[in-house]
Amino acid sequence: MAESTSVRSYAKNVDLAPRKVSLVASLVRGRKVEDALVILAHTPRRPAKTVAKAIESARANAINNHGVDGKTLVISTLSVTIGTRIKRFKPASRGRALPFQKKSSNILVELSGDLKPKKTPAKAAKPAAEKEEEK
């Protein structure tokens, strides 16, 4: 039986409101990575592209850095939290200024999957000089 592992990826301070991003994240939570990317490609909301990039980053980390089989990857955790808020003012009539906040979000993607089976090293070939001596 293959050994399973989990890999994380963060997308921090994404310039989208966390409420809007979490609506898109709830569409793909708990699905296979390939299915999630297809769903996000056909979702007509702006955060879909950002969530897809975070999932692709986690998939690349799992395959290239941790040796996980790409076909077995499943989204085990997909959480959206509040990022930093930037306080700004909008000019209003009679010299007033109305405050507002630019909201950002943090996206955490955790994938789980099975490790690739490690190949056994091939036996080292004997040099030509040793082969001639054995004959």
C-alpha atoms as a PDB file:
ATOM      1  CA  MET A   1       0.000   0.000   0.000  1.00  0.00           C
ATOM      2  CA  ALA A   2       1.333   3.425  -0.907  1.00  0.00           C
ATOM      3  CA  GLU A   3       2.252   5.901   1.789  1.00  0.00           C
ATOM      4  CA  SER A   4       0.193   9.114   1.772  1.00  0.00           C
ATOM      5  CA  THR A   5       1.380  12.627   2.560  1.00  0.00           C
ATOM      6  CA  SER A   6       0.023  16.169   2.595  1.00  0.00           C
ATOM      7  CA  VAL A   7       1.464  19.319   1.022  1.00  0.00           C
ATOM      8  CA  ARG A   8       0.532  22.961   1.693  1.00  0.00           C
ATOM      9  CA  SER A   9       0.545  26.120  -0.373  1.00  0.00           C
ATOM     10  CA  TYR A  10      -0.354  29.667   0.661  1.00  0.00           C
ATOM     11  CA  ALA A  11      -1.509  32.645  -1.396  1.00  0.00           C
ATOM     12  CA  LYS A  12      -1.255  35.650   0.894  1.00  0.00           C
ATOM     13  CA  ASN A  13      -2.700  39.160   0.574  1.00  0.00           C
ATOM     14  CA  VAL A  14      -4.792  38.466  -2.512  1.00  0.00           C
ATOM     15  CA  ASP A  15      -6.583  41.713  -3.397  1.00  0.00           C
ATOM     16  CA  LEU A  16     -10.063  40.179  -3.252  1.00  0.00           C
ATOM     17  CA  ALA A  17     -12.594  40.207  -0.436  1.00  0.00           C
ATOM     18  CA  PRO A  18     -12.529  36.979   1.589  1.00  0.00           C
ATOM     19  CA  ARG A  19     -16.290  36.556   1.374  1.00  0.00           C
ATOM     20  CA  LYS A  20     -16.148  36.463  -2.431  1.00  0.00           C
ATOM     21  CA  VAL A  21     -13.155  34.108  -2.495  1.00  0.00           C
ATOM     22  CA  SER A  22     -14.758  31.695  -0.033  1.00  0.00           C
ATOM     23  CA  LEU A  23     -17.818  31.338  -2.291  1.00  0.00           C
ATOM     24  CA  VAL A  24     -15.573  30.077  -5.073  1.00  0.00           C
ATOM     25  CA  ALA A  25     -13.472  27.932  -2.717  1.00  0.00           C
ATOM     26  CA  SER A  26     -16.569  26.106  -1.479  1.00  0.00           C
ATOM     27  CA  LEU A  27     -17.213  24.848  -5.027  1.00  0.00           C
ATOM     28  CA  VAL A  28     -14.045  22.728  -5.103  1.00  0.00           C
ATOM     29  CA  ARG A  29     -13.399  21.846  -1.453  1.00  0.00           C
ATOM     30  CA  GLY A  30     -12.783  18.097  -1.025  1.00  0.00           C
ATOM     31  CA  ARG A  31     -12.492  17.264  -4.733  1.00  0.00           C
ATOM     32  CA  LYS A  32      -9.695  15.795  -6.839  1.00  0.00           C
ATOM     33  CA  VAL A  33      -7.254  18.380  -8.171  1.00  0.00           C
ATOM     34  CA  GLU A  34      -8.001  17.711 -11.857  1.00  0.00           C
ATOM     35  CA  ASP A  35     -11.763  18.030 -11.272  1.00  0.00           C
ATOM     36  CA  ALA A  36     -11.307  21.208  -9.237  1.00  0.00           C
ATOM     37  CA  LEU A  37      -9.254  22.894 -11.956  1.00  0.00           C
ATOM     38  CA  VAL A  38     -11.888  22.073 -14.594  1.00  0.00           C
ATOM     39  CA  ILE A  39     -14.649  23.484 -12.388  1.00  0.00           C
ATOM     40  CA  LEU A  40     -12.676  26.672 -11.713  1.00  0.00           C
ATOM     41  CA  ALA A  41     -11.894  27.120 -15.413  1.00  0.00           C
ATOM     42  CA  HIS A  42     -15.643  27.264 -16.092  1.00  0.00           C
ATOM     43  CA  THR A  43     -16.583  29.443 -13.113  1.00  0.00           C
ATOM     44  CA  PRO A  44     -17.388  33.017 -14.231  1.00  0.00           C
ATOM     45  CA  ARG A  45     -16.157  34.747 -11.061  1.00  0.00           C
ATOM     46  CA  ARG A  46     -12.971  36.751 -10.627  1.00  0.00           C
ATOM     47  CA  PRO A  47     -11.600  34.791  -7.621  1.00  0.00           C
ATOM     48  CA  ALA A  48     -11.741  31.523  -9.600  1.00  0.00           C
ATOM     49  CA  LYS A  49      -8.473  32.330 -11.364  1.00  0.00           C
ATOM     50  CA  THR A  50      -6.679  33.085  -8.085  1.00  0.00           C
ATOM     51  CA  VAL A  51      -7.930  29.920  -6.361  1.00  0.00           C
ATOM     52  CA  ALA A  52      -6.880  27.868  -9.402  1.00  0.00           C
ATOM     53  CA  LYS A  53      -3.372  29.357  -9.254  1.00  0.00           C
ATOM     54  CA  ALA A  54      -3.085  28.432  -5.568  1.00  0.00           C
ATOM     55  CA  ILE A  55      -4.193  24.857  -6.287  1.00  0.00           C
ATOM     56  CA  GLU A  56      -1.760  24.556  -9.210  1.00  0.00           C
ATOM     57  CA  SER A  57       1.044  25.828  -6.983  1.00  0.00           C
ATOM     58  CA  ALA A  58       0.259  23.205  -4.341  1.00  0.00           C
ATOM     59  CA  ARG A  59       0.143  20.505  -7.030  1.00  0.00           C
ATOM     60  CA  ALA A  60       3.541  21.572  -8.384  1.00  0.00           C
ATOM     61  CA  ASN A  61       4.986  21.535  -4.846  1.00  0.00           C
ATOM     62  CA  ALA A  62       3.637  18.035  -4.250  1.00  0.00           C
ATOM     63  CA  ILE A  63       4.913  16.569  -7.509  1.00  0.00           C
ATOM     64  CA  ASN A  64       8.290  18.278  -7.790  1.00  0.00           C
ATOM     65  CA  ASN A  65       9.374  18.727  -4.160  1.00  0.00           C
ATOM     66  CA  HIS A  66       7.717  15.861  -2.304  1.00  0.00           C
ATOM     67  CA  GLY A  67       7.492  13.070  -4.904  1.00  0.00           C
ATOM     68  CA  VAL A  68       3.731  12.626  -4.741  1.00  0.00           C
ATOM     69  CA  ASP A  69       1.827  10.938  -7.553  1.00  0.00           C
ATOM     70  CA  GLY A  70      -0.114  13.685  -9.357  1.00  0.00           C
ATOM     71  CA  LYS A  71      -3.076  11.436 -10.197  1.00  0.00           C
ATOM     72  CA  THR A  72      -3.895  10.712  -6.545  1.00  0.00           C
ATOM     73  CA  LEU A  73      -3.997  14.318  -5.287  1.00  0.00           C
ATOM     74  CA  VAL A  74      -7.134  15.408  -3.419  1.00  0.00           C
ATOM     75  CA  ILE A  75      -7.871  18.801  -1.849  1.00  0.00           C
ATOM     76  CA  SER A  76      -8.020  17.990   1.858  1.00  0.00           C
ATOM     77  CA  THR A  77      -8.121  21.606   3.121  1.00  0.00           C
ATOM     78  CA  LEU A  78      -9.070  24.791   1.316  1.00  0.00           C
ATOM     79  CA  SER A  79      -9.534  27.704   3.684  1.00  0.00           C
ATOM     80  CA  VAL A  80      -9.880  31.415   3.078  1.00  0.00           C
ATOM     81  CA  THR A  81      -9.022  33.827   5.888  1.00  0.00           C
ATOM     82  CA  ILE A  82      -8.963  37.597   6.250  1.00  0.00           C
ATOM     83  CA  GLY A  83      -5.763  39.275   5.116  1.00  0.00           C
ATOM     84  CA  THR A  84      -4.520  42.771   5.808  1.00  0.00           C
ATOM     85  CA  ARG A  85      -6.894  45.688   5.313  1.00  0.00           C
ATOM     86  CA  ILE A  86      -5.699  48.921   3.794  1.00  0.00           C
ATOM     87  CA  LYS A  87      -7.491  52.010   5.090  1.00  0.00           C
ATOM     88  CA  ARG A  88      -8.312  54.658   2.486  1.00  0.00           C
ATOM     89  CA  PHE A  89     -10.495  57.755   2.190  1.00  0.00           C
ATOM     90  CA  LYS A  90     -12.837  58.856  -0.565  1.00  0.00           C
ATOM     91  CA  PRO A  91     -13.427  62.589  -1.039  1.00  0.00           C
ATOM     92  CA  ALA A  92     -17.000  63.747  -0.447  1.00  0.00           C
ATOM     93  CA  SER A  93     -18.847  67.014  -0.729  1.00  0.00           C
ATOM     94  CA  ARG A  94     -18.057  70.066   1.443  1.00  0.00           C
ATOM     95  CA  GLY A  95     -14.470  68.987   2.079  1.00  0.00           C
ATOM     96  CA  ARG A  96     -15.320  65.804   3.903  1.00  0.00           C
ATOM     97  CA  ALA A  97     -13.549  62.450   3.569  1.00  0.00           C
ATOM     98  CA  LEU A  98     -15.381  59.142   3.837  1.00  0.00           C
ATOM     99  CA  PRO A  99     -13.290  56.176   5.057  1.00  0.00           C
ATOM    100  CA  PHE A 100     -13.327  52.731   3.473  1.00  0.00           C
ATOM    101  CA  GLN A 101     -11.133  49.630   3.619  1.00  0.00           C
ATOM    102  CA  LYS A 102      -9.566  47.637   0.829  1.00  0.00           C
ATOM    103  CA  LYS A 103      -9.914  44.015   1.919  1.00  0.00           C
ATOM    104  CA  SER A 104      -7.536  41.170   1.099  1.00  0.00           C
ATOM    105  CA  SER A 105      -7.567  37.436   1.736  1.00  0.00           C
ATOM    106  CA  ASN A 106      -5.207  34.573   2.470  1.00  0.00           C
ATOM    107  CA  ILE A 107      -5.806  31.234   0.741  1.00  0.00           C
ATOM    108  CA  LEU A 108      -4.500  27.990   2.241  1.00  0.00           C
ATOM    109  CA  VAL A 109      -4.523  24.879   0.053  1.00  0.00           C
ATOM    110  CA  GLU A 110      -3.557  21.502   1.496  1.00  0.00           C
ATOM    111  CA  LEU A 111      -3.398  18.505  -0.819  1.00  0.00           C
ATOM    112  CA  SER A 112      -3.060  14.868   0.168  1.00  0.00           C
ATOM    113  CA  GLY A 113      -1.933  12.046  -2.052  1.00  0.00           C
ATOM    114  CA  ASP A 114       0.111   8.868  -2.304  1.00  0.00           C
ATOM    115  CA  LEU A 115       3.867   8.914  -2.713  1.00  0.00           C
ATOM    116  CA  LYS A 116       5.326   7.513  -5.928  1.00  0.00           C
ATOM    117  CA  PRO A 117       6.915   4.112  -5.464  1.00  0.00           C
ATOM    118  CA  LYS A 118      10.676   4.466  -5.368  1.00  0.00           C
ATOM    119  CA  LYS A 119      12.576   2.677  -8.089  1.00  0.00           C
ATOM    120  CA  THR A 120      15.254   0.233  -7.050  1.00  0.00           C
ATOM    121  CA  PRO A 121      18.687   1.229  -8.352  1.00  0.00           C
ATOM    122  CA  ALA A 122      20.041  -0.828 -11.219  1.00  0.00           C
ATOM    123  CA  LYS A 123      23.094  -2.972 -10.640  1.00  0.00           C
ATOM    124  CA  ALA A 124      26.279  -1.201 -11.587  1.00  0.00           C
ATOM    125  CA  ALA A 125      27.866  -2.507 -14.768  1.00  0.00           C
ATOM    126  CA  LYS A 126      31.382  -3.827 -14.453  1.00  0.00           C
ATOM    127  CA  PRO A 127      34.099  -1.894 -16.293  1.00  0.00           C
ATOM    128  CA  ALA A 128      35.440  -3.445 -19.500  1.00  0.00           C
ATOM    129  CA  ALA A 129      38.872  -4.093 -17.957  1.00  0.00           C
ATOM    130  CA  GLU A 130      37.389  -6.334 -15.230  1.00  0.00           C
ATOM    131  CA  LYS A 131      35.329  -8.287 -17.756  1.00  0.00           C
ATOM    132  CA  GLU A 132      38.429  -9.169 -19.771  1.00  0.00           C
ATOM    133  CA  GLU A 133      40.314 -10.287 -16.640  1.00  0.00           C
ATOM    134  CA  GLU A 134      37.505 -12.678 -15.661  1.00  0.00           C
ATOM    135  CA  LYS A 135      37.695 -14.471 -19.015  1.00  0.00           C
END
